[in-house]
Amino acid sequence: MNLSYILCSARAINLTCTFILVTLLVIFQQQDSVHGAFSERKTIDSALLTKRIGTNRVITVDANGEGDFKSVQAAVDHVPDGNSNWIVIHLTKGVYRIPANKPYIFMRGSGRGRTSIASSHISTKDYDSATLKVEAPHFVALNTAPTGINRYSAENKSSVAAFVGADKVAFYQCAFFSNQNTLFDYKGRHLSASYLVGDRRVEIGGSIAAHYRERHDESSGFVFVKGKVYGIGRDVYLGRAKGAHSRVVFANTYLSRSIIHHGWTNWRYSGNTDNLYHAEYKCHGPGSASKNRAHWSKQLSDEEAAPFLSIDFIRGKEWLLAWLL
């Protein structure tokens, strides 16, 4: 299964789906930030990122006591407040939070299928339910799987896998699983070359992205580039509006039959749809037919799509350790 990318600049991304699997490079950009990803030429691996970071400060976490700490949280707590140099945390399993005063952390897993971070905690609030909370800038995770899987709750409690509320955050080859609101991308520039999985029976069937933007001059938005979208059923929306200027773009992405023909929804947004920026560019697959798309949605030209197709959308060359081009 190939990874794809999503580039975004937005207030929040909530995956709320009737089982949907999104493999992509995601670029998120908030009002004051961006994230991005794209390419299929080579793999960004542990050796490359470790070399780029250029540090020999490694903290090992092992639940069996064979490392420096038994828990991820203990390792994170060991990082000095106001840290200004990269520290590698090599882990096997844990439930953790990265507080705002501990930047420059590279969290490195032990390989796909070997490292998972899980929690059964649920809450009525997205932030409180998150298994992983990143609130410090300059955070990198590789080959880990933050999760927030919960059994279906009739009380509609949230189960966010990851809350990201800091600038300059990158996830490489990670997997995020949840039944509702899988990835809460709150603010900052972020890149995610990862797998996003949601499983949630909801009133509208589900939507991949829910982006909030109130003004045209806000730089936020979500861009999904060179991804693949699969799901069960045929009632999943690409995105739904949260604010008058919601902006979501899917580019060069495979869309399966799970995508509803309407494509986009303004569910629970009662305002004018003229300023919504819900767009597609050269997508393919049975779910990409544009004939019956929402009247406000757009099929972009090469010129219109150009600003969204590179890491320049998130000014990635200023801060990313590595990216696929």
Protein backbone atom coordinates (compact mmCIF):
# COMPACT_ATOMS: atom_id res chain seq x y z
CA MET A 1 0.00 0.00 0.00
CA ASN A 2 1.52 3.31 -1.05
CA LEU A 3 1.53 6.33 1.18
CA SER A 4 0.09 9.55 -0.07
CA TYR A 5 0.28 13.03 1.29
CA ILE A 6 -2.01 15.67 2.65
CA LEU A 7 -1.11 19.34 2.82
CA CYS A 8 -3.21 21.45 5.09
CA SER A 9 -3.54 24.85 6.64
CA ALA A 10 -6.43 24.93 8.99
CA ARG A 11 -7.97 25.17 12.42
CA ALA A 12 -8.86 21.50 12.74
CA ILE A 13 -9.10 18.27 10.82
CA ASN A 14 -11.54 15.72 12.12
CA LEU A 15 -11.90 12.35 10.45
CA THR A 16 -15.46 11.20 11.08
CA CYS A 17 -16.21 8.29 8.80
CA THR A 18 -18.18 5.15 8.11
CA PHE A 19 -14.93 3.27 8.15
CA ILE A 20 -12.53 5.10 5.91
CA LEU A 21 -8.86 4.47 5.29
CA VAL A 22 -6.83 7.36 3.96
CA THR A 23 -3.23 6.79 2.97
CA LEU A 24 -1.62 10.04 2.07
CA LEU A 25 0.81 12.83 2.38
CA VAL A 26 -1.04 15.51 4.21
CA ILE A 27 -0.06 19.13 4.40
CA PHE A 28 -1.92 21.18 6.97
CA GLN A 29 -1.60 24.90 7.33
CA GLN A 30 -3.19 26.93 10.05
CA GLN A 31 -3.83 30.62 9.93
CA ASP A 32 -0.19 31.06 10.90
CA SER A 33 1.17 27.76 9.70
CA VAL A 34 1.17 25.01 7.09
CA HIS A 35 1.84 21.29 6.53
CA GLY A 36 2.56 19.30 3.44
CA ALA A 37 3.69 16.17 1.73
CA PHE A 38 4.01 14.51 -1.63
CA SER A 39 6.01 12.09 -3.83
CA GLU A 40 6.54 8.43 -4.39
CA ARG A 41 10.18 8.35 -5.35
CA LYS A 42 11.87 7.12 -2.18
CA THR A 43 11.31 6.43 1.49
CA ILE A 44 12.16 8.62 4.43
CA ASP A 45 13.53 6.18 7.00
CA SER A 46 14.99 6.20 10.50
CA ALA A 47 18.59 6.40 9.32
CA LEU A 48 17.91 9.46 7.15
CA LEU A 49 16.01 11.39 9.82
CA THR A 50 18.53 10.49 12.52
CA LYS A 51 21.34 11.74 10.29
CA ARG A 52 19.53 14.99 9.50
CA ILE A 53 18.84 15.65 13.17
CA GLY A 54 22.53 15.15 13.93
CA THR A 55 22.37 14.27 17.63
CA ASN A 56 23.73 11.46 19.78
CA ARG A 57 21.27 12.18 22.58
CA VAL A 58 19.05 9.09 22.58
CA ILE A 59 16.60 8.06 25.30
CA THR A 60 15.32 4.48 25.08
CA VAL A 61 11.90 3.46 26.38
CA ASP A 62 11.22 -0.22 27.05
CA ALA A 63 8.25 -1.51 29.00
CA ASN A 64 10.30 -4.49 30.20
CA GLY A 65 12.88 -2.30 31.88
CA GLU A 66 15.65 -2.80 29.33
CA GLY A 67 15.88 0.87 28.40
CA ASP A 68 16.43 4.18 30.14
CA PHE A 69 12.77 4.45 31.11
CA LYS A 70 9.78 2.13 31.24
CA SER A 71 7.25 4.71 30.02
CA VAL A 72 7.14 7.27 27.24
CA GLN A 73 5.89 9.92 29.63
CA ALA A 74 8.91 9.44 31.89
CA ALA A 75 11.20 9.94 28.90
CA VAL A 76 9.34 13.07 27.83
CA ASP A 77 9.47 14.41 31.39
CA HIS A 78 13.25 13.88 31.32
CA VAL A 79 13.63 16.37 28.47
CA PRO A 80 14.72 19.72 29.94
CA ASP A 81 12.22 22.57 29.91
CA GLY A 82 13.05 24.99 27.13
CA ASN A 83 15.10 22.35 25.30
CA SER A 84 16.86 23.77 22.22
CA ASN A 85 18.68 20.72 20.85
CA TRP A 86 17.23 17.62 19.23
CA ILE A 87 16.70 14.57 21.47
CA VAL A 88 15.76 11.15 20.07
CA ILE A 89 13.26 9.11 22.08
CA HIS A 90 13.34 5.51 20.86
CA LEU A 91 10.23 3.75 22.08
CA THR A 92 8.22 0.58 22.04
CA LYS A 93 4.90 1.48 23.66
CA GLY A 94 3.29 4.27 25.63
CA VAL A 95 0.59 6.88 26.14
CA TYR A 96 2.00 10.38 26.27
CA ARG A 97 1.75 14.15 25.97
CA ILE A 98 4.37 16.55 24.61
CA PRO A 99 3.97 19.75 26.66
CA ALA A 100 4.60 23.16 25.15
CA ASN A 101 7.94 23.72 26.91
CA LYS A 102 9.72 20.61 25.53
CA PRO A 103 10.49 21.20 21.84
CA TYR A 104 12.99 19.41 19.55
CA ILE A 105 11.91 15.83 20.16
CA PHE A 106 12.30 13.05 17.57
CA MET A 107 10.16 10.09 18.64
CA ARG A 108 11.31 6.97 16.82
CA GLY A 109 9.40 3.70 16.83
CA SER A 110 10.73 0.17 16.40
CA GLY A 111 9.13 -0.51 13.03
CA ARG A 112 5.71 -0.93 11.48
CA GLY A 113 3.48 -3.22 13.49
CA ARG A 114 5.88 -3.24 16.44
CA THR A 115 5.29 0.09 18.14
CA SER A 116 1.86 1.29 19.21
CA ILE A 117 0.66 3.99 21.53
CA ALA A 118 -2.84 3.30 22.76
CA SER A 119 -5.40 4.58 25.22
CA SER A 120 -8.95 3.60 26.10
CA HIS A 121 -9.69 7.02 27.57
CA ILE A 122 -12.78 8.77 26.22
CA SER A 123 -14.16 12.25 26.75
CA THR A 124 -16.88 14.54 25.51
CA LYS A 125 -14.14 16.95 24.39
CA ASP A 126 -11.77 16.25 21.49
CA TYR A 127 -8.70 17.69 23.22
CA ASP A 128 -9.21 15.78 26.45
CA SER A 129 -9.70 12.46 24.64
CA ALA A 130 -6.44 12.54 22.65
CA THR A 131 -3.97 9.70 23.12
CA LEU A 132 -1.12 11.82 21.76
CA LYS A 133 -0.90 15.56 22.40
CA VAL A 134 1.82 17.57 20.71
CA GLU A 135 1.98 21.12 22.02
CA ALA A 136 5.68 21.91 21.48
CA PRO A 137 7.22 22.94 18.14
CA HIS A 138 9.88 20.93 16.31
CA PHE A 139 8.41 17.48 16.93
CA VAL A 140 9.09 14.53 14.61
CA ALA A 141 7.64 11.02 14.86
CA LEU A 142 8.68 8.05 12.73
CA ASN A 143 7.08 4.62 12.42
CA THR A 144 4.83 4.81 15.44
CA ALA A 145 1.08 4.35 15.66
CA PRO A 146 -0.70 6.77 18.00
CA THR A 147 -4.18 5.39 18.57
CA GLY A 148 -7.39 6.41 20.23
CA ILE A 149 -9.68 3.47 19.49
CA ASN A 150 -12.85 3.22 21.55
CA ARG A 151 -15.94 1.10 21.39
CA TYR A 152 -18.97 2.88 19.96
CA SER A 153 -20.52 5.13 22.55
CA ALA A 154 -24.15 6.16 22.40
CA GLU A 155 -23.04 9.27 24.26
CA ASN A 156 -20.99 10.38 21.23
CA LYS A 157 -17.79 10.65 23.24
CA SER A 158 -14.66 11.60 21.32
CA SER A 159 -11.62 9.42 20.79
CA VAL A 160 -8.96 11.56 19.14
CA ALA A 161 -5.80 9.65 18.24
CA ALA A 162 -3.61 12.74 18.03
CA PHE A 163 -4.03 16.41 18.88
CA VAL A 164 -1.46 18.66 17.22
CA GLY A 165 -1.36 22.22 18.50
CA ALA A 166 2.17 23.36 17.67
CA ASP A 167 4.15 24.59 14.68
CA LYS A 168 6.68 22.52 12.69
CA VAL A 169 5.45 18.99 13.39
CA ALA A 170 6.07 16.05 11.04
CA PHE A 171 4.85 12.44 11.04
CA TYR A 172 6.55 9.89 8.81
CA GLN A 173 5.13 6.41 8.21
CA CYS A 174 2.81 6.63 11.18
CA ALA A 175 -0.69 5.21 11.50
CA PHE A 176 -3.56 6.92 13.29
CA PHE A 177 -6.61 4.85 14.29
CA SER A 178 -9.84 5.97 15.90
CA ASN A 179 -13.58 5.56 15.64
CA GLN A 180 -14.20 9.32 15.57
CA ASN A 181 -12.18 12.52 14.99
CA THR A 182 -8.96 10.63 14.35
CA LEU A 183 -6.57 13.55 13.85
CA PHE A 184 -7.29 16.91 15.48
CA ASP A 185 -4.98 19.29 13.64
CA TYR A 186 -5.50 22.45 15.64
CA LYS A 187 -2.77 24.86 14.60
CA GLY A 188 0.71 25.06 13.15
CA ARG A 189 2.53 23.79 10.08
CA HIS A 190 2.46 20.03 9.85
CA LEU A 191 3.43 17.31 7.42
CA SER A 192 2.00 13.82 7.60
CA ALA A 193 3.06 11.00 5.31
CA SER A 194 0.87 8.51 7.10
CA TYR A 195 -2.21 6.31 7.32
CA LEU A 196 -5.40 7.75 8.81
CA VAL A 197 -8.21 5.38 9.77
CA GLY A 198 -11.63 6.32 11.11
CA ASP A 199 -14.62 4.13 11.97
CA ARG A 200 -17.70 5.96 13.08
CA ARG A 201 -21.40 5.65 12.22
CA VAL A 202 -22.63 9.22 12.14
CA GLU A 203 -25.67 11.12 11.00
CA ILE A 204 -24.18 12.10 7.63
CA GLY A 205 -22.20 8.93 7.03
CA GLY A 206 -18.84 10.57 7.53
CA SER A 207 -16.39 13.12 6.16
CA ILE A 208 -12.64 12.93 5.70
CA ALA A 209 -11.91 16.53 6.64
CA ALA A 210 -13.70 19.27 8.55
CA HIS A 211 -11.88 22.55 8.13
CA TYR A 212 -12.59 25.81 9.94
CA ARG A 213 -11.71 29.17 8.42
CA GLU A 214 -13.72 32.35 8.93
CA ARG A 215 -11.82 34.83 6.75
CA HIS A 216 -10.41 34.77 3.25
CA ASP A 217 -7.06 36.19 4.39
CA GLU A 218 -6.38 33.30 6.77
CA SER A 219 -3.69 31.03 5.32
CA SER A 220 -5.09 27.82 6.76
CA GLY A 221 -6.28 24.83 4.77
CA PHE A 222 -6.02 21.05 4.25
CA VAL A 223 -4.45 19.62 1.12
CA PHE A 224 -4.38 15.89 0.36
CA VAL A 225 -1.79 15.01 -2.29
CA LYS A 226 -1.13 11.66 -3.99
CA GLY A 227 -3.23 9.70 -1.55
CA LYS A 228 -5.63 6.78 -1.62
CA VAL A 229 -9.06 6.78 0.00
CA TYR A 230 -10.87 3.52 0.73
CA GLY A 231 -13.96 2.77 2.77
CA ILE A 232 -17.00 0.61 3.45
CA GLY A 233 -20.29 1.93 2.09
CA ARG A 234 -20.84 4.77 -0.35
CA ASP A 235 -21.74 7.70 1.87
CA VAL A 236 -18.43 9.37 2.78
CA TYR A 237 -17.81 13.04 1.99
CA LEU A 238 -14.42 14.45 1.10
CA GLY A 239 -15.02 17.33 3.46
CA ARG A 240 -17.53 19.46 5.28
CA ALA A 241 -17.59 23.17 5.97
CA LYS A 242 -16.79 24.62 9.37
CA GLY A 243 -16.79 28.34 8.73
CA ALA A 244 -17.52 30.58 5.77
CA HIS A 245 -14.10 30.11 4.10
CA SER A 246 -13.42 26.43 4.75
CA ARG A 247 -10.60 25.25 2.45
CA VAL A 248 -9.88 21.61 1.54
CA VAL A 249 -8.12 20.35 -1.59
CA PHE A 250 -7.65 16.79 -2.89
CA ALA A 251 -5.02 16.47 -5.63
CA ASN A 252 -3.80 13.48 -7.62
CA THR A 253 -5.61 11.20 -5.18
CA TYR A 254 -7.36 7.87 -5.74
CA LEU A 255 -10.98 8.02 -4.57
CA SER A 256 -12.82 4.73 -4.12
CA ARG A 257 -16.56 4.05 -4.43
CA SER A 258 -16.96 5.02 -0.78
CA ILE A 259 -17.03 8.70 -1.78
CA ILE A 260 -20.59 9.93 -2.21
CA HIS A 261 -21.32 11.46 -5.62
CA HIS A 262 -22.06 14.87 -4.06
CA GLY A 263 -18.49 14.89 -2.76
CA TRP A 264 -18.84 17.76 -0.29
CA THR A 265 -21.30 18.90 2.37
CA ASN A 266 -22.14 22.06 4.30
CA TRP A 267 -23.71 19.96 7.06
CA ARG A 268 -24.48 22.09 10.12
CA TYR A 269 -23.10 25.17 8.36
CA SER A 270 -26.02 27.41 7.45
CA GLY A 271 -24.11 30.33 5.94
CA ASN A 272 -23.38 31.35 2.37
CA THR A 273 -21.50 28.68 0.39
CA ASP A 274 -20.04 31.11 -2.17
CA ASN A 275 -16.74 31.45 -0.30
CA LEU A 276 -16.16 27.78 0.51
CA TYR A 277 -13.02 26.44 -1.16
CA HIS A 278 -13.66 22.73 -1.63
CA ALA A 279 -11.63 21.61 -4.61
CA GLU A 280 -10.23 18.64 -6.52
CA TYR A 281 -7.40 18.34 -9.00
CA LYS A 282 -6.75 15.36 -11.26
CA CYS A 283 -8.18 12.81 -8.84
CA HIS A 284 -8.97 9.36 -10.18
CA GLY A 285 -10.93 6.25 -9.30
CA PRO A 286 -14.67 5.46 -9.17
CA GLY A 287 -15.31 8.12 -6.52
CA SER A 288 -13.75 10.96 -8.51
CA ALA A 289 -16.57 11.61 -11.00
CA SER A 290 -17.30 15.34 -10.89
CA LYS A 291 -20.69 15.43 -12.63
CA ASN A 292 -22.85 15.56 -9.50
CA ARG A 293 -20.49 17.36 -7.15
CA ALA A 294 -21.72 20.07 -4.74
CA HIS A 295 -22.43 23.25 -6.69
CA TRP A 296 -19.86 25.29 -4.76
CA SER A 297 -17.00 22.80 -5.27
CA LYS A 298 -14.27 23.33 -7.84
CA GLN A 299 -12.27 21.28 -10.32
CA LEU A 300 -8.95 23.12 -10.40
CA SER A 301 -6.87 24.03 -13.43
CA ASP A 302 -3.10 23.46 -13.46
CA GLU A 303 -2.54 27.09 -12.56
CA GLU A 304 -5.07 27.07 -9.71
CA ALA A 305 -3.69 23.85 -8.25
CA ALA A 306 -0.01 24.83 -8.38
CA PRO A 307 0.17 26.58 -4.96
CA PHE A 308 -1.06 23.43 -3.20
CA LEU A 309 1.18 20.81 -4.79
CA SER A 310 4.47 21.34 -3.00
CA ILE A 311 5.83 21.85 0.49
CA ASP A 312 5.98 25.55 -0.30
CA PHE A 313 2.38 25.63 0.89
CA ILE A 314 3.71 25.10 4.40
CA ARG A 315 7.05 26.79 3.80
CA GLY A 316 8.48 23.35 4.39
CA LYS A 317 12.01 24.07 3.20
CA GLU A 318 12.41 26.34 6.20
CA TRP A 319 11.92 23.59 8.78
CA LEU A 320 11.39 20.06 7.45
CA LEU A 321 14.26 17.65 8.04
CA ALA A 322 13.31 15.63 4.97
CA TRP A 323 10.55 15.45 2.40
CA LEU A 324 9.68 13.50 -0.72
CA LEU A 325 9.91 15.35 -4.03
